[in-house]
Amino acid sequence: MTRIGVLSDTHNYLDERIFSHFSDCDEIWHAGDIGTTAVTDRLKTFKSLHAVYGNIDGYELRKEFPQFDSFKCEDVSVLLTHIGGYPGKYAKEVMPKILSNPPKLFVCGHSHILKVQYDKHLDMLCINPGAAGLYGFHSVRTLLKFEIDGSMIQNMQVIELAPVSIK
């Protein structure tokens, strides 16, 4: 069994509580809009990391991380990207990736809206952890945590961090 913590849209801000929430995780997946390499460097020293760059990420992050990351976690094929959309409204750039090699789990960020939705037409679970950073229109910062056991995706948890304070 592999325990995974998923976050997105940190925009160069790592809440210290992320480390306690993800302490029992084996891997962390970051779905883009990281901010700077300091964020991923810190996450990499904590846990194994899969990450993709987002639309706000500069050259250093784009040099280190891909736009799309396809990999297997146990028996589950995963596609991780930043701008992905959701069932019935996938981003134009992601559709060829999804259709050419359909994953069982599709993970994206960008919208700052936490969403977990099953696409019955593609037999694929789609997740967006919302936004963990301070920048954006979201009022609550969120993370996701779940387990993959063989081919099963299970025990999904939504974690809410402190509300974003408007300054």
C-alpha atoms as a PDB file:
ATOM      1  CA  MET A   1       0.000   0.000   0.000  1.00  0.00           C
ATOM      2  CA  THR A   2       1.228   3.481  -0.917  1.00  0.00           C
ATOM      3  CA  ARG A   3       0.002   6.579   0.897  1.00  0.00           C
ATOM      4  CA  ILE A   4      -0.075   9.761  -1.182  1.00  0.00           C
ATOM      5  CA  GLY A   5      -0.457  13.430  -0.299  1.00  0.00           C
ATOM      6  CA  VAL A   6      -1.535  15.719  -3.154  1.00  0.00           C
ATOM      7  CA  LEU A   7      -1.281  19.484  -3.314  1.00  0.00           C
ATOM      8  CA  SER A   8      -1.301  22.197  -5.945  1.00  0.00           C
ATOM      9  CA  ASP A   9      -1.010  25.915  -6.422  1.00  0.00           C
ATOM     10  CA  THR A  10       1.352  26.627  -3.546  1.00  0.00           C
ATOM     11  CA  HIS A  11       2.573  29.780  -5.317  1.00  0.00           C
ATOM     12  CA  ASN A  12       5.794  29.702  -3.266  1.00  0.00           C
ATOM     13  CA  TYR A  13       4.055  29.180   0.096  1.00  0.00           C
ATOM     14  CA  LEU A  14       4.327  25.984   2.144  1.00  0.00           C
ATOM     15  CA  ASP A  15       2.153  25.895   5.235  1.00  0.00           C
ATOM     16  CA  GLU A  16       4.106  24.055   7.947  1.00  0.00           C
ATOM     17  CA  ARG A  17       1.044  21.917   8.703  1.00  0.00           C
ATOM     18  CA  ILE A  18       1.491  20.200   5.340  1.00  0.00           C
ATOM     19  CA  PHE A  19       4.393  18.297   6.871  1.00  0.00           C
ATOM     20  CA  SER A  20       2.326  16.955   9.759  1.00  0.00           C
ATOM     21  CA  HIS A  21      -0.653  16.132   7.512  1.00  0.00           C
ATOM     22  CA  PHE A  22       1.609  14.253   5.091  1.00  0.00           C
ATOM     23  CA  SER A  23       3.876  12.672   7.732  1.00  0.00           C
ATOM     24  CA  ASP A  24       2.405   9.205   7.152  1.00  0.00           C
ATOM     25  CA  CYS A  25       2.561   9.510   3.342  1.00  0.00           C
ATOM     26  CA  ASP A  26       5.059   7.652   1.197  1.00  0.00           C
ATOM     27  CA  GLU A  27       4.864  10.119  -1.696  1.00  0.00           C
ATOM     28  CA  ILE A  28       3.829  13.704  -2.363  1.00  0.00           C
ATOM     29  CA  TRP A  29       2.405  14.753  -5.721  1.00  0.00           C
ATOM     30  CA  HIS A  30       2.425  18.473  -6.617  1.00  0.00           C
ATOM     31  CA  ALA A  31       0.109  19.455  -9.476  1.00  0.00           C
ATOM     32  CA  GLY A  32       1.883  22.670 -10.473  1.00  0.00           C
ATOM     33  CA  ASP A  33       2.048  26.399  -9.829  1.00  0.00           C
ATOM     34  CA  ILE A  34       4.829  25.605  -7.406  1.00  0.00           C
ATOM     35  CA  GLY A  35       6.382  29.066  -7.243  1.00  0.00           C
ATOM     36  CA  THR A  36      10.108  28.406  -6.787  1.00  0.00           C
ATOM     37  CA  THR A  37      12.450  25.434  -6.518  1.00  0.00           C
ATOM     38  CA  ALA A  38      12.708  26.134  -2.761  1.00  0.00           C
ATOM     39  CA  VAL A  39       9.227  24.590  -2.421  1.00  0.00           C
ATOM     40  CA  THR A  40      10.090  21.387  -4.272  1.00  0.00           C
ATOM     41  CA  ASP A  41      13.542  21.174  -2.674  1.00  0.00           C
ATOM     42  CA  ARG A  42      11.899  21.203   0.747  1.00  0.00           C
ATOM     43  CA  LEU A  43       9.274  18.641  -0.271  1.00  0.00           C
ATOM     44  CA  LYS A  44      11.948  16.356  -1.775  1.00  0.00           C
ATOM     45  CA  THR A  45      13.884  16.295   1.490  1.00  0.00           C
ATOM     46  CA  PHE A  46      10.666  15.249   3.264  1.00  0.00           C
ATOM     47  CA  LYS A  47       9.186  12.574   0.949  1.00  0.00           C
ATOM     48  CA  SER A  48       9.439  11.110  -2.535  1.00  0.00           C
ATOM     49  CA  LEU A  49       8.044  13.728  -4.942  1.00  0.00           C
ATOM     50  CA  HIS A  50       6.246  13.733  -8.285  1.00  0.00           C
ATOM     51  CA  ALA A  51       5.688  17.268  -9.576  1.00  0.00           C
ATOM     52  CA  VAL A  52       4.785  19.128 -12.750  1.00  0.00           C
ATOM     53  CA  TYR A  53       5.234  22.770 -13.598  1.00  0.00           C
ATOM     54  CA  GLY A  54       2.284  25.131 -13.801  1.00  0.00           C
ATOM     55  CA  ASN A  55       1.539  28.237 -15.811  1.00  0.00           C
ATOM     56  CA  ILE A  56       3.153  30.598 -13.257  1.00  0.00           C
ATOM     57  CA  ASP A  57       6.331  28.539 -12.913  1.00  0.00           C
ATOM     58  CA  GLY A  58       9.521  29.882 -14.437  1.00  0.00           C
ATOM     59  CA  TYR A  59      12.512  28.437 -16.214  1.00  0.00           C
ATOM     60  CA  GLU A  60      14.121  26.671 -13.240  1.00  0.00           C
ATOM     61  CA  LEU A  61      11.003  24.663 -12.436  1.00  0.00           C
ATOM     62  CA  ARG A  62      10.275  23.958 -16.117  1.00  0.00           C
ATOM     63  CA  LYS A  63      13.813  22.683 -16.499  1.00  0.00           C
ATOM     64  CA  GLU A  64      13.430  20.286 -13.560  1.00  0.00           C
ATOM     65  CA  PHE A  65       9.813  19.132 -13.931  1.00  0.00           C
ATOM     66  CA  PRO A  66       7.674  18.167 -16.940  1.00  0.00           C
ATOM     67  CA  GLN A  67       4.323  19.563 -18.010  1.00  0.00           C
ATOM     68  CA  PHE A  68       2.865  16.033 -17.951  1.00  0.00           C
ATOM     69  CA  ASP A  69       4.030  13.181 -15.739  1.00  0.00           C
ATOM     70  CA  SER A  70       2.727   9.694 -16.571  1.00  0.00           C
ATOM     71  CA  PHE A  71       3.717   6.971 -14.119  1.00  0.00           C
ATOM     72  CA  LYS A  72       2.437   3.926 -12.266  1.00  0.00           C
ATOM     73  CA  CYS A  73       1.778   3.782  -8.560  1.00  0.00           C
ATOM     74  CA  GLU A  74       1.362   0.133  -7.691  1.00  0.00           C
ATOM     75  CA  ASP A  75      -1.179  -1.086 -10.316  1.00  0.00           C
ATOM     76  CA  VAL A  76      -2.694   2.347 -11.002  1.00  0.00           C
ATOM     77  CA  SER A  77      -1.638   4.360 -14.051  1.00  0.00           C
ATOM     78  CA  VAL A  78      -1.455   8.067 -13.220  1.00  0.00           C
ATOM     79  CA  LEU A  79      -1.379  11.224 -15.331  1.00  0.00           C
ATOM     80  CA  LEU A  80      -0.327  14.362 -13.436  1.00  0.00           C
ATOM     81  CA  THR A  81      -0.480  17.850 -14.965  1.00  0.00           C
ATOM     82  CA  HIS A  82      -1.398  21.385 -13.965  1.00  0.00           C
ATOM     83  CA  ILE A  83      -4.102  22.574 -16.371  1.00  0.00           C
ATOM     84  CA  GLY A  84      -6.337  19.579 -16.904  1.00  0.00           C
ATOM     85  CA  GLY A  85     -10.012  20.343 -16.451  1.00  0.00           C
ATOM     86  CA  TYR A  86     -12.532  17.739 -15.392  1.00  0.00           C
ATOM     87  CA  PRO A  87     -14.936  15.191 -16.910  1.00  0.00           C
ATOM     88  CA  GLY A  88     -16.836  16.714 -19.801  1.00  0.00           C
ATOM     89  CA  LYS A  89     -14.562  19.746 -19.846  1.00  0.00           C
ATOM     90  CA  TYR A  90     -10.942  18.630 -20.172  1.00  0.00           C
ATOM     91  CA  ALA A  91      -8.302  21.099 -21.292  1.00  0.00           C
ATOM     92  CA  LYS A  92      -7.524  20.916 -25.011  1.00  0.00           C
ATOM     93  CA  GLU A  93      -3.829  20.101 -24.418  1.00  0.00           C
ATOM     94  CA  VAL A  94      -4.559  17.176 -22.103  1.00  0.00           C
ATOM     95  CA  MET A  95      -7.118  15.330 -24.268  1.00  0.00           C
ATOM     96  CA  PRO A  96      -4.568  13.660 -26.585  1.00  0.00           C
ATOM     97  CA  LYS A  97      -2.618  12.433 -23.529  1.00  0.00           C
ATOM     98  CA  ILE A  98      -5.735  11.030 -21.895  1.00  0.00           C
ATOM     99  CA  LEU A  99      -7.051   9.397 -25.064  1.00  0.00           C
ATOM    100  CA  SER A 100      -3.741   7.929 -26.250  1.00  0.00           C
ATOM    101  CA  ASN A 101      -3.018   6.171 -22.971  1.00  0.00           C
ATOM    102  CA  PRO A 102      -5.986   6.500 -20.590  1.00  0.00           C
ATOM    103  CA  PRO A 103      -4.867   6.577 -16.958  1.00  0.00           C
ATOM    104  CA  LYS A 104      -6.926   5.206 -14.069  1.00  0.00           C
ATOM    105  CA  LEU A 105      -6.127   8.349 -12.072  1.00  0.00           C
ATOM    106  CA  PHE A 106      -5.931  11.868 -13.498  1.00  0.00           C
ATOM    107  CA  VAL A 107      -4.538  14.582 -11.197  1.00  0.00           C
ATOM    108  CA  CYS A 108      -4.464  18.297 -11.985  1.00  0.00           C
ATOM    109  CA  GLY A 109      -4.561  21.699 -10.317  1.00  0.00           C
ATOM    110  CA  HIS A 110      -4.957  25.247 -11.664  1.00  0.00           C
ATOM    111  CA  SER A 111      -8.617  25.938 -10.817  1.00  0.00           C
ATOM    112  CA  HIS A 112      -8.005  26.376  -7.048  1.00  0.00           C
ATOM    113  CA  ILE A 113     -11.238  24.373  -6.644  1.00  0.00           C
ATOM    114  CA  LEU A 114     -11.058  21.036  -4.870  1.00  0.00           C
ATOM    115  CA  LYS A 115     -12.813  18.409  -6.953  1.00  0.00           C
ATOM    116  CA  VAL A 116     -12.933  14.606  -6.931  1.00  0.00           C
ATOM    117  CA  GLN A 117     -14.983  13.245  -9.800  1.00  0.00           C
ATOM    118  CA  TYR A 118     -15.241   9.902 -11.575  1.00  0.00           C
ATOM    119  CA  ASP A 119     -15.354   9.904 -15.385  1.00  0.00           C
ATOM    120  CA  LYS A 120     -17.474   6.860 -16.211  1.00  0.00           C
ATOM    121  CA  HIS A 121     -16.855   7.217 -19.963  1.00  0.00           C
ATOM    122  CA  LEU A 122     -13.090   6.910 -19.525  1.00  0.00           C
ATOM    123  CA  ASP A 123     -13.165   4.734 -16.375  1.00  0.00           C
ATOM    124  CA  MET A 124     -10.905   7.289 -14.680  1.00  0.00           C
ATOM    125  CA  LEU A 125     -10.905   9.045 -11.323  1.00  0.00           C
ATOM    126  CA  CYS A 126     -10.147  12.769 -11.666  1.00  0.00           C
ATOM    127  CA  ILE A 127      -8.850  14.730  -8.698  1.00  0.00           C
ATOM    128  CA  ASN A 128      -7.886  18.329  -8.099  1.00  0.00           C
ATOM    129  CA  PRO A 129      -6.633  19.097  -4.575  1.00  0.00           C
ATOM    130  CA  GLY A 130      -7.613  22.760  -4.767  1.00  0.00           C
ATOM    131  CA  ALA A 131      -4.990  25.300  -3.711  1.00  0.00           C
ATOM    132  CA  ALA A 132      -2.546  25.071  -0.798  1.00  0.00           C
ATOM    133  CA  GLY A 133      -1.029  28.528  -1.201  1.00  0.00           C
ATOM    134  CA  LEU A 134      -2.115  32.027  -0.273  1.00  0.00           C
ATOM    135  CA  TYR A 135      -2.453  33.491  -3.771  1.00  0.00           C
ATOM    136  CA  GLY A 136      -5.765  33.211  -5.622  1.00  0.00           C
ATOM    137  CA  PHE A 137      -9.491  33.584  -5.188  1.00  0.00           C
ATOM    138  CA  HIS A 138     -10.008  30.513  -2.979  1.00  0.00           C
ATOM    139  CA  SER A 139     -11.123  31.139   0.587  1.00  0.00           C
ATOM    140  CA  VAL A 140      -9.989  27.805   2.075  1.00  0.00           C
ATOM    141  CA  ARG A 141      -6.657  26.131   1.362  1.00  0.00           C
ATOM    142  CA  THR A 142      -6.976  22.397   0.733  1.00  0.00           C
ATOM    143  CA  LEU A 143      -4.974  19.196   0.310  1.00  0.00           C
ATOM    144  CA  LEU A 144      -5.906  15.612  -0.510  1.00  0.00           C
ATOM    145  CA  LYS A 145      -4.582  12.405   0.963  1.00  0.00           C
ATOM    146  CA  PHE A 146      -5.378   8.839  -0.091  1.00  0.00           C
ATOM    147  CA  GLU A 147      -4.010   5.331  -0.480  1.00  0.00           C
ATOM    148  CA  ILE A 148      -3.330   3.124  -3.458  1.00  0.00           C
ATOM    149  CA  ASP A 149      -3.420  -0.569  -2.646  1.00  0.00           C
ATOM    150  CA  GLY A 150      -2.765  -2.601  -5.784  1.00  0.00           C
ATOM    151  CA  SER A 151      -5.423  -1.338  -8.189  1.00  0.00           C
ATOM    152  CA  MET A 152      -7.597   0.249  -5.493  1.00  0.00           C
ATOM    153  CA  ILE A 153      -7.698   4.003  -4.823  1.00  0.00           C
ATOM    154  CA  GLN A 154      -9.116   4.300  -1.325  1.00  0.00           C
ATOM    155  CA  ASN A 155      -9.471   6.254   1.907  1.00  0.00           C
ATOM    156  CA  MET A 156      -9.526   9.687   0.257  1.00  0.00           C
ATOM    157  CA  GLN A 157      -9.352  12.526   2.790  1.00  0.00           C
ATOM    158  CA  VAL A 158      -9.892  16.233   2.268  1.00  0.00           C
ATOM    159  CA  ILE A 159      -7.689  18.360   4.484  1.00  0.00           C
ATOM    160  CA  GLU A 160      -8.618  21.980   5.046  1.00  0.00           C
ATOM    161  CA  LEU A 161      -5.917  24.378   6.138  1.00  0.00           C
ATOM    162  CA  ALA A 162      -6.618  27.770   7.676  1.00  0.00           C
ATOM    163  CA  PRO A 163      -8.770  30.123   5.609  1.00  0.00           C
ATOM    164  CA  VAL A 164      -6.932  32.570   3.391  1.00  0.00           C
ATOM    165  CA  SER A 165      -6.834  35.975   5.036  1.00  0.00           C
ATOM    166  CA  ILE A 166      -7.514  38.860   2.679  1.00  0.00           C
ATOM    167  CA  LYS A 167      -5.056  41.708   3.142  1.00  0.00           C
END
